């Protein structure tokens, strides 16, 4: 029997270029580990986990939660593995709880968003896009504004060096200081501060703080 539908924010993701990975087993293990870590930090309604093949999914009460999960998963995997993510809002019915099979308009919207990411990443101007949102019931302009923010966020994240990715990953934890990160990296605190400003790390964090508040 299907569960009653709920207007969750549903996250659907897959691995970019998984078929060309030299060790797909290792990539899958890294993805599973990253999803488990993010699930501990921001629990989903029914578990964030791999479903079929390279796909994974999770359900969240708020759009802000789903958007933060999307960023955290990417940061735990980059630079070696990247993922694309579609987030849809709408009804979702659990068809088979044991196997994690779900259906409904929310998942259709998430699938549409995921396919849009893949299509737009094929164009030079938007090649670094990895996240998109769809919500057929949203107020006019809302989805477009969210997607504009995601396009800019993904471009900044996709342009970061390995060290800057580590700094951003560390600063996603509000209890971690730039001085602590400087000690880990073996550089001065001022060097970290300069990189945070110059590479747009501070802008990513500020944008994420705003996106996190979306209901």
C-alpha atoms as a PDB file:
ATOM      1  CA  UNK A   1       0.000   0.000   0.000  1.00  0.00           C
ATOM      2  CA  UNK A   2       1.263   3.498  -0.821  1.00  0.00           C
ATOM      3  CA  UNK A   3       1.883   5.972   1.937  1.00  0.00           C
ATOM      4  CA  UNK A   4      -0.081   9.253   1.813  1.00  0.00           C
ATOM      5  CA  UNK A   5       1.530  11.801  -0.463  1.00  0.00           C
ATOM      6  CA  UNK A   6       3.545  14.623   1.094  1.00  0.00           C
ATOM      7  CA  UNK A   7       5.020  17.800  -0.366  1.00  0.00           C
ATOM      8  CA  UNK A   8       8.646  16.921   0.349  1.00  0.00           C
ATOM      9  CA  UNK A   9      11.688  18.407  -1.313  1.00  0.00           C
ATOM     10  CA  UNK A  10      13.060  15.368  -3.064  1.00  0.00           C
ATOM     11  CA  UNK A  11      16.715  15.071  -4.008  1.00  0.00           C
ATOM     12  CA  UNK A  12      17.834  12.828  -6.844  1.00  0.00           C
ATOM     13  CA  UNK A  13      21.476  12.543  -7.822  1.00  0.00           C
ATOM     14  CA  UNK A  14      23.945  10.577  -9.871  1.00  0.00           C
ATOM     15  CA  UNK A  15      27.674  10.465 -10.533  1.00  0.00           C
ATOM     16  CA  UNK A  16      29.167  12.498 -13.364  1.00  0.00           C
ATOM     17  CA  UNK A  17      31.120  10.317 -15.779  1.00  0.00           C
ATOM     18  CA  UNK A  18      30.853   7.170 -13.676  1.00  0.00           C
ATOM     19  CA  UNK A  19      31.210   4.858 -16.665  1.00  0.00           C
ATOM     20  CA  UNK A  20      34.649   6.260 -17.475  1.00  0.00           C
ATOM     21  CA  UNK A  21      35.956   5.927 -13.903  1.00  0.00           C
ATOM     22  CA  UNK A  22      38.999   3.607 -13.722  1.00  0.00           C
ATOM     23  CA  UNK A  23      37.706   1.981 -10.519  1.00  0.00           C
ATOM     24  CA  UNK A  24      33.923   2.130 -10.306  1.00  0.00           C
ATOM     25  CA  UNK A  25      33.910   0.095  -7.093  1.00  0.00           C
ATOM     26  CA  UNK A  26      36.053   2.729  -5.406  1.00  0.00           C
ATOM     27  CA  UNK A  27      33.821   5.528  -6.702  1.00  0.00           C
ATOM     28  CA  UNK A  28      30.735   3.756  -5.383  1.00  0.00           C
ATOM     29  CA  UNK A  29      32.388   3.282  -1.984  1.00  0.00           C
ATOM     30  CA  UNK A  30      33.297   6.984  -1.830  1.00  0.00           C
ATOM     31  CA  UNK A  31      29.720   7.948  -2.682  1.00  0.00           C
ATOM     32  CA  UNK A  32      28.263   5.632  -0.048  1.00  0.00           C
ATOM     33  CA  UNK A  33      30.611   7.023   2.589  1.00  0.00           C
ATOM     34  CA  UNK A  34      29.796  10.626   1.662  1.00  0.00           C
ATOM     35  CA  UNK A  35      26.034  10.003   1.778  1.00  0.00           C
ATOM     36  CA  UNK A  36      26.336   8.382   5.204  1.00  0.00           C
ATOM     37  CA  UNK A  37      28.332  11.342   6.542  1.00  0.00           C
ATOM     38  CA  UNK A  38      25.823  13.885   5.217  1.00  0.00           C
ATOM     39  CA  UNK A  39      22.922  11.815   6.553  1.00  0.00           C
ATOM     40  CA  UNK A  40      24.448  12.015  10.030  1.00  0.00           C
ATOM     41  CA  UNK A  41      24.820  15.776   9.756  1.00  0.00           C
ATOM     42  CA  UNK A  42      21.434  16.499   8.132  1.00  0.00           C
ATOM     43  CA  UNK A  43      19.074  13.525   8.444  1.00  0.00           C
ATOM     44  CA  UNK A  44      16.597  13.020   5.619  1.00  0.00           C
ATOM     45  CA  UNK A  45      13.048  11.861   6.106  1.00  0.00           C
ATOM     46  CA  UNK A  46      13.579   8.365   4.780  1.00  0.00           C
ATOM     47  CA  UNK A  47      17.344   8.075   4.505  1.00  0.00           C
ATOM     48  CA  UNK A  48      19.858   9.458   2.003  1.00  0.00           C
ATOM     49  CA  UNK A  49      21.178   6.441   0.142  1.00  0.00           C
ATOM     50  CA  UNK A  50      22.111   4.850  -3.160  1.00  0.00           C
ATOM     51  CA  UNK A  51      19.083   3.356  -4.906  1.00  0.00           C
ATOM     52  CA  UNK A  52      19.866   1.828  -8.303  1.00  0.00           C
ATOM     53  CA  UNK A  53      23.235   1.852 -10.034  1.00  0.00           C
ATOM     54  CA  UNK A  54      24.887   5.246  -9.535  1.00  0.00           C
ATOM     55  CA  UNK A  55      21.720   7.050  -8.434  1.00  0.00           C
ATOM     56  CA  UNK A  56      20.940   8.189  -4.912  1.00  0.00           C
ATOM     57  CA  UNK A  57      18.014   9.970  -3.297  1.00  0.00           C
ATOM     58  CA  UNK A  58      16.736  11.634  -0.148  1.00  0.00           C
ATOM     59  CA  UNK A  59      13.620  13.471   1.037  1.00  0.00           C
ATOM     60  CA  UNK A  60      13.599  16.703   3.064  1.00  0.00           C
ATOM     61  CA  UNK A  61      10.964  18.886   4.673  1.00  0.00           C
ATOM     62  CA  UNK A  62      12.515  22.144   3.444  1.00  0.00           C
ATOM     63  CA  UNK A  63      14.183  23.245   0.232  1.00  0.00           C
ATOM     64  CA  UNK A  64      17.016  24.821   2.215  1.00  0.00           C
ATOM     65  CA  UNK A  65      17.881  21.450   3.734  1.00  0.00           C
ATOM     66  CA  UNK A  66      17.961  19.736   0.332  1.00  0.00           C
ATOM     67  CA  UNK A  67      20.167  22.485  -1.128  1.00  0.00           C
ATOM     68  CA  UNK A  68      22.646  22.199   1.734  1.00  0.00           C
ATOM     69  CA  UNK A  69      22.754  18.425   1.423  1.00  0.00           C
ATOM     70  CA  UNK A  70      23.498  18.800  -2.285  1.00  0.00           C
ATOM     71  CA  UNK A  71      26.459  21.060  -1.552  1.00  0.00           C
ATOM     72  CA  UNK A  72      27.785  18.903   1.276  1.00  0.00           C
ATOM     73  CA  UNK A  73      27.702  15.736  -0.804  1.00  0.00           C
ATOM     74  CA  UNK A  74      29.657  17.445  -3.579  1.00  0.00           C
ATOM     75  CA  UNK A  75      32.253  18.851  -1.196  1.00  0.00           C
ATOM     76  CA  UNK A  76      32.888  15.453   0.380  1.00  0.00           C
ATOM     77  CA  UNK A  77      33.510  13.903  -3.048  1.00  0.00           C
ATOM     78  CA  UNK A  78      35.383  16.611  -4.942  1.00  0.00           C
ATOM     79  CA  UNK A  79      37.892  16.806  -6.557  1.00  0.00           C
ATOM     80  CA  UNK A  80      38.042  13.088  -7.388  1.00  0.00           C
ATOM     81  CA  UNK A  81      34.323  12.446  -7.901  1.00  0.00           C
ATOM     82  CA  UNK A  82      31.553  14.823  -8.904  1.00  0.00           C
ATOM     83  CA  UNK A  83      27.795  14.434  -8.853  1.00  0.00           C
ATOM     84  CA  UNK A  84      24.822  16.217 -10.377  1.00  0.00           C
ATOM     85  CA  UNK A  85      21.630  16.741  -8.423  1.00  0.00           C
ATOM     86  CA  UNK A  86      18.001  17.508  -9.147  1.00  0.00           C
ATOM     87  CA  UNK A  87      15.677  18.755  -6.422  1.00  0.00           C
ATOM     88  CA  UNK A  88      11.922  18.670  -6.933  1.00  0.00           C
ATOM     89  CA  UNK A  89       9.047  19.616  -4.674  1.00  0.00           C
ATOM     90  CA  UNK A  90       5.775  17.765  -4.766  1.00  0.00           C
ATOM     91  CA  UNK A  91       3.877  14.718  -3.682  1.00  0.00           C
ATOM     92  CA  UNK A  92       5.719  11.455  -3.137  1.00  0.00           C
ATOM     93  CA  UNK A  93       4.328   7.993  -2.473  1.00  0.00           C
ATOM     94  CA  UNK A  94       6.352   5.117  -1.065  1.00  0.00           C
ATOM     95  CA  UNK A  95       5.529   2.101  -3.226  1.00  0.00           C
ATOM     96  CA  UNK A  96       7.951  -0.358  -1.631  1.00  0.00           C
ATOM     97  CA  UNK A  97       9.552   0.740   1.642  1.00  0.00           C
ATOM     98  CA  UNK A  98      11.826  -2.294   1.764  1.00  0.00           C
ATOM     99  CA  UNK A  99      13.459  -1.521  -1.579  1.00  0.00           C
ATOM    100  CA  UNK A 100      13.107   2.260  -1.333  1.00  0.00           C
ATOM    101  CA  UNK A 101      10.861   2.499  -4.390  1.00  0.00           C
ATOM    102  CA  UNK A 102       8.946   5.784  -4.563  1.00  0.00           C
ATOM    103  CA  UNK A 103       6.901   7.642  -7.162  1.00  0.00           C
ATOM    104  CA  UNK A 104       4.867  10.808  -7.570  1.00  0.00           C
ATOM    105  CA  UNK A 105       5.020  14.374  -8.909  1.00  0.00           C
ATOM    106  CA  UNK A 106       7.852  15.350  -6.601  1.00  0.00           C
ATOM    107  CA  UNK A 107      10.108  12.659  -8.050  1.00  0.00           C
ATOM    108  CA  UNK A 108       9.066  13.557 -11.583  1.00  0.00           C
ATOM    109  CA  UNK A 109      10.105  17.149 -10.850  1.00  0.00           C
ATOM    110  CA  UNK A 110      13.431  15.992  -9.383  1.00  0.00           C
ATOM    111  CA  UNK A 111      14.086  13.856 -12.459  1.00  0.00           C
ATOM    112  CA  UNK A 112      13.300  16.814 -14.726  1.00  0.00           C
ATOM    113  CA  UNK A 113      15.733  18.970 -12.743  1.00  0.00           C
ATOM    114  CA  UNK A 114      18.451  16.315 -12.951  1.00  0.00           C
ATOM    115  CA  UNK A 115      18.024  16.007 -16.711  1.00  0.00           C
ATOM    116  CA  UNK A 116      18.160  19.801 -17.031  1.00  0.00           C
ATOM    117  CA  UNK A 117      21.518  19.826 -15.227  1.00  0.00           C
ATOM    118  CA  UNK A 118      22.935  17.248 -17.617  1.00  0.00           C
ATOM    119  CA  UNK A 119      21.673  19.183 -20.644  1.00  0.00           C
ATOM    120  CA  UNK A 120      22.918  22.590 -19.500  1.00  0.00           C
ATOM    121  CA  UNK A 121      26.307  21.209 -18.427  1.00  0.00           C
ATOM    122  CA  UNK A 122      26.844  20.388 -22.093  1.00  0.00           C
ATOM    123  CA  UNK A 123      27.051  24.099 -22.928  1.00  0.00           C
ATOM    124  CA  UNK A 124      30.248  26.065 -22.398  1.00  0.00           C
ATOM    125  CA  UNK A 125      28.676  28.897 -20.400  1.00  0.00           C
ATOM    126  CA  UNK A 126      27.001  26.537 -17.920  1.00  0.00           C
ATOM    127  CA  UNK A 127      29.439  23.615 -18.004  1.00  0.00           C
ATOM    128  CA  UNK A 128      29.998  23.739 -14.231  1.00  0.00           C
ATOM    129  CA  UNK A 129      26.308  23.537 -13.325  1.00  0.00           C
ATOM    130  CA  UNK A 130      25.606  20.555 -11.090  1.00  0.00           C
ATOM    131  CA  UNK A 131      22.364  21.397  -9.252  1.00  0.00           C
ATOM    132  CA  UNK A 132      18.873  22.435 -10.353  1.00  0.00           C
ATOM    133  CA  UNK A 133      15.431  22.827  -8.824  1.00  0.00           C
ATOM    134  CA  UNK A 134      11.904  22.287 -10.108  1.00  0.00           C
ATOM    135  CA  UNK A 135       8.613  23.062  -8.358  1.00  0.00           C
ATOM    136  CA  UNK A 136       5.499  23.242 -10.569  1.00  0.00           C
ATOM    137  CA  UNK A 137       3.448  24.804  -7.748  1.00  0.00           C
ATOM    138  CA  UNK A 138       5.919  27.563  -6.817  1.00  0.00           C
ATOM    139  CA  UNK A 139       5.113  31.257  -7.062  1.00  0.00           C
ATOM    140  CA  UNK A 140       6.201  32.922 -10.334  1.00  0.00           C
ATOM    141  CA  UNK A 141       9.917  33.667 -10.348  1.00  0.00           C
ATOM    142  CA  UNK A 142      10.769  31.550  -7.292  1.00  0.00           C
ATOM    143  CA  UNK A 143      12.264  28.573  -9.115  1.00  0.00           C
ATOM    144  CA  UNK A 144      14.119  30.837 -11.533  1.00  0.00           C
ATOM    145  CA  UNK A 145      15.686  32.772  -8.631  1.00  0.00           C
ATOM    146  CA  UNK A 146      16.789  29.585  -6.880  1.00  0.00           C
ATOM    147  CA  UNK A 147      18.287  28.198 -10.085  1.00  0.00           C
ATOM    148  CA  UNK A 148      20.139  31.447 -10.729  1.00  0.00           C
ATOM    149  CA  UNK A 149      21.709  31.180  -7.278  1.00  0.00           C
ATOM    150  CA  UNK A 150      22.602  27.539  -7.878  1.00  0.00           C
ATOM    151  CA  UNK A 151      24.209  28.347 -11.219  1.00  0.00           C
ATOM    152  CA  UNK A 152      26.476  30.911  -9.539  1.00  0.00           C
ATOM    153  CA  UNK A 153      27.194  28.650  -6.547  1.00  0.00           C
ATOM    154  CA  UNK A 154      28.125  25.714  -8.736  1.00  0.00           C
ATOM    155  CA  UNK A 155      30.333  27.850 -10.958  1.00  0.00           C
ATOM    156  CA  UNK A 156      32.296  29.086  -7.954  1.00  0.00           C
ATOM    157  CA  UNK A 157      32.612  25.617  -6.424  1.00  0.00           C
ATOM    158  CA  UNK A 158      33.591  24.071  -9.744  1.00  0.00           C
ATOM    159  CA  UNK A 159      36.328  26.675 -10.205  1.00  0.00           C
ATOM    160  CA  UNK A 160      38.050  26.060  -6.852  1.00  0.00           C
ATOM    161  CA  UNK A 161      41.477  24.495  -6.464  1.00  0.00           C
ATOM    162  CA  UNK A 162      41.933  21.400  -4.313  1.00  0.00           C
ATOM    163  CA  UNK A 163      43.114  23.489  -1.356  1.00  0.00           C
ATOM    164  CA  UNK A 164      40.228  25.921  -1.672  1.00  0.00           C
ATOM    165  CA  UNK A 165      37.801  22.998  -1.764  1.00  0.00           C
ATOM    166  CA  UNK A 166      39.289  21.730   1.491  1.00  0.00           C
ATOM    167  CA  UNK A 167      38.919  25.182   3.041  1.00  0.00           C
ATOM    168  CA  UNK A 168      35.307  25.479   1.936  1.00  0.00           C
ATOM    169  CA  UNK A 169      34.571  21.981   3.218  1.00  0.00           C
ATOM    170  CA  UNK A 170      36.093  22.899   6.562  1.00  0.00           C
ATOM    171  CA  UNK A 171      34.269  26.218   6.855  1.00  0.00           C
ATOM    172  CA  UNK A 172      30.907  24.521   6.273  1.00  0.00           C
ATOM    173  CA  UNK A 173      31.305  23.573   9.936  1.00  0.00           C
ATOM    174  CA  UNK A 174      30.549  26.792  11.854  1.00  0.00           C
ATOM    175  CA  UNK A 175      32.776  25.658  14.737  1.00  0.00           C
ATOM    176  CA  UNK A 176      35.862  25.434  12.523  1.00  0.00           C
ATOM    177  CA  UNK A 177      38.021  28.561  12.430  1.00  0.00           C
ATOM    178  CA  UNK A 178      40.273  29.836   9.689  1.00  0.00           C
ATOM    179  CA  UNK A 179      43.191  29.533  12.138  1.00  0.00           C
ATOM    180  CA  UNK A 180      42.490  25.811  12.553  1.00  0.00           C
ATOM    181  CA  UNK A 181      42.339  25.345   8.798  1.00  0.00           C
ATOM    182  CA  UNK A 182      45.592  27.263   8.387  1.00  0.00           C
ATOM    183  CA  UNK A 183      47.294  24.867  10.812  1.00  0.00           C
ATOM    184  CA  UNK A 184      45.970  21.858   8.874  1.00  0.00           C
ATOM    185  CA  UNK A 185      47.197  23.290   5.579  1.00  0.00           C
ATOM    186  CA  UNK A 186      50.548  24.425   6.941  1.00  0.00           C
ATOM    187  CA  UNK A 187      50.005  28.049   5.906  1.00  0.00           C
ATOM    188  CA  UNK A 188      49.406  31.317   7.727  1.00  0.00           C
ATOM    189  CA  UNK A 189      45.975  32.422   8.875  1.00  0.00           C
ATOM    190  CA  UNK A 190      46.290  35.491   6.654  1.00  0.00           C
ATOM    191  CA  UNK A 191      46.905  33.244   3.625  1.00  0.00           C
ATOM    192  CA  UNK A 192      43.684  31.385   4.362  1.00  0.00           C
ATOM    193  CA  UNK A 193      41.793  34.646   4.806  1.00  0.00           C
ATOM    194  CA  UNK A 194      43.098  35.958   1.476  1.00  0.00           C
ATOM    195  CA  UNK A 195      42.104  32.748  -0.310  1.00  0.00           C
ATOM    196  CA  UNK A 196      38.622  32.824   1.228  1.00  0.00           C
ATOM    197  CA  UNK A 197      38.122  36.305  -0.216  1.00  0.00           C
ATOM    198  CA  UNK A 198      39.900  35.915  -3.553  1.00  0.00           C
ATOM    199  CA  UNK A 199      38.477  32.521  -4.527  1.00  0.00           C
ATOM    200  CA  UNK A 200      34.886  33.311  -3.645  1.00  0.00           C
ATOM    201  CA  UNK A 201      34.751  30.857  -0.727  1.00  0.00           C
ATOM    202  CA  UNK A 202      33.185  33.530   1.453  1.00  0.00           C
ATOM    203  CA  UNK A 203      30.593  34.225  -1.233  1.00  0.00           C
ATOM    204  CA  UNK A 204      29.663  30.525  -1.425  1.00  0.00           C
ATOM    205  CA  UNK A 205      29.236  30.394   2.354  1.00  0.00           C
ATOM    206  CA  UNK A 206      27.172  33.593   2.410  1.00  0.00           C
ATOM    207  CA  UNK A 207      24.944  32.379  -0.433  1.00  0.00           C
ATOM    208  CA  UNK A 208      24.481  29.015   1.240  1.00  0.00           C
ATOM    209  CA  UNK A 209      23.470  30.705   4.504  1.00  0.00           C
ATOM    210  CA  UNK A 210      20.671  32.480   2.593  1.00  0.00           C
ATOM    211  CA  UNK A 211      19.620  29.368   0.667  1.00  0.00           C
ATOM    212  CA  UNK A 212      19.570  27.366   3.899  1.00  0.00           C
ATOM    213  CA  UNK A 213      16.635  29.481   5.125  1.00  0.00           C
ATOM    214  CA  UNK A 214      14.334  28.570   2.236  1.00  0.00           C
ATOM    215  CA  UNK A 215      11.247  26.736   3.498  1.00  0.00           C
END
